Amino acid sequence: MHPETHLQLHTIRSAELQRHAADFRLTHPRPGIDTETGARAPHTGLRTRLGLTMVELGLRLLPDGSAVPSRTARAA
């Protein structure tokens, strides 16, 4: 198949899926989600703030460069 034809098919399918998603959001509204864009409301709950604080603390405790994966092969 020609690459431009393949790209056009993907573009058409993407637009079709986005239209179906918008229709679904309008017929099945959920609390905390914008029915127009599908964007979630910002999380400000205690659980979310605690989780983000724990992640931030963990990143501060790691020495610089320790989170880089090693390049040595491991024996199975």
Protein backbone atom coordinates (compact mmCIF):
# COMPACT_ATOMS: atom_id res chain seq x y z
CA MET A 1 0.00 0.00 0.00
CA HIS A 2 1.29 3.48 -0.82
CA PRO A 3 2.49 5.36 2.31
CA GLU A 4 0.29 8.40 1.67
CA THR A 5 -2.79 6.22 1.28
CA HIS A 6 -1.91 4.44 4.52
CA LEU A 7 -1.54 7.80 6.30
CA GLN A 8 -4.90 9.01 4.96
CA LEU A 9 -6.61 5.85 6.22
CA HIS A 10 -5.12 6.39 9.68
CA THR A 11 -6.20 10.04 9.67
CA ILE A 12 -9.77 9.10 8.74
CA ARG A 13 -9.89 6.35 11.37
CA SER A 14 -8.49 8.70 14.02
CA ALA A 15 -11.15 11.32 13.28
CA GLU A 16 -13.83 8.63 13.41
CA LEU A 17 -12.63 7.35 16.80
CA GLN A 18 -12.44 10.88 18.21
CA ARG A 19 -16.00 11.53 17.06
CA HIS A 20 -17.20 8.30 18.72
CA ALA A 21 -15.37 9.22 21.94
CA ALA A 22 -16.99 12.67 21.98
CA ASP A 23 -20.44 11.12 21.45
CA PHE A 24 -19.78 8.62 24.24
CA ARG A 25 -18.68 11.37 26.64
CA LEU A 26 -21.86 13.32 25.92
CA THR A 27 -24.14 10.33 26.47
CA HIS A 28 -22.26 8.94 29.49
CA PRO A 29 -21.09 11.91 31.59
CA ARG A 30 -18.78 11.12 34.51
CA PRO A 31 -18.12 13.36 37.50
CA GLY A 32 -14.80 15.17 37.34
CA ILE A 33 -14.40 14.80 33.57
CA ASP A 34 -15.15 17.59 31.09
CA THR A 35 -17.71 16.30 28.58
CA GLU A 36 -16.36 18.52 25.77
CA THR A 37 -12.66 17.72 25.90
CA GLY A 38 -12.52 14.57 27.99
CA ALA A 39 -9.96 16.21 30.28
CA ARG A 40 -9.93 15.21 33.91
CA ALA A 41 -10.33 17.75 36.68
CA PRO A 42 -7.11 18.40 38.60
CA HIS A 43 -6.65 16.10 41.56
CA THR A 44 -6.33 17.93 44.83
CA GLY A 45 -7.26 15.15 47.22
CA LEU A 46 -5.16 14.15 50.20
CA ARG A 47 -4.22 10.82 48.62
CA THR A 48 -2.89 12.49 45.45
CA ARG A 49 -0.93 15.12 47.36
CA LEU A 50 0.58 12.47 49.65
CA GLY A 51 1.59 10.33 46.66
CA LEU A 52 3.24 13.23 44.86
CA THR A 53 5.07 14.22 48.05
CA MET A 54 6.38 10.67 48.45
CA VAL A 55 7.62 10.62 44.86
CA GLU A 56 9.33 13.98 45.31
CA LEU A 57 10.99 12.79 48.51
CA GLY A 58 12.16 9.58 46.84
CA LEU A 59 13.69 11.52 43.97
CA ARG A 60 15.54 13.76 46.42
CA LEU A 61 16.93 10.76 48.31
CA LEU A 62 18.42 9.17 45.18
CA PRO A 63 22.00 10.20 44.54
CA ASP A 64 22.61 11.78 41.14
CA GLY A 65 22.89 9.19 38.36
CA SER A 66 21.81 6.21 40.47
CA ALA A 67 18.54 5.88 38.59
CA VAL A 68 20.34 5.31 35.28
CA PRO A 69 20.00 1.67 34.15
CA SER A 70 23.23 -0.30 34.00
CA ARG A 71 24.58 -1.31 30.61
CA THR A 72 26.22 -4.55 31.71
CA ALA A 73 24.71 -7.85 30.62
CA ARG A 74 23.19 -9.97 33.37
CA ALA A 75 23.63 -13.71 33.54
CA ALA A 76 20.41 -15.68 33.46
